[in-house]
Amino acid sequence: MSIGQEKPVTGRQMFLEQCARLQSSVSASRTSDMANRFNRLGETQKKVIILLANEAAQRFKDLPPLTHSHLALPFEQFDSQDKASLMLGIKRLAELAAALPWEFSDYAAPRLEVQALRESPPPAPNGVVN
């Protein structure tokens, strides 16, 4: 091989480079989406996530607890450790949401349907119905 010539790029190297580009693009997209969603939350919703984040972060020695001052900050101003704590809080919230029974018959069904289920069935007709 002479000087100045490069090795041809193999298919595997091209595949790995494309995978890395796609993964970084997806990661940036997810972070941006999460930041937009977090910034739209109200103060009460942020408090819940911060409480869950602090509960989850206690299991890790490197993660700092989030404080009341974090409520006013947009997502972009969190440092990397605070973002990791916040992500743990969001993950904990998702776990809690998955564990809760969301099907409450009195609230999910219309009122007439619920009443019909509670009452006895209507009496059978006496004759043939056309």
Foldseek 3Di string as FASTA:
>chain_A
DDPPDDDDDDPVNVVVVVVVVVVVVVVVVVVVVVLVVLQPDDLVVVVQLLVQLQVQCVVPPVADRDDPVCSPDRPVPDDPSVVVSSVSSVVVVVVVVVPDDPDDPCPPDDPVVVVCVPDDDDDDDPDDDD
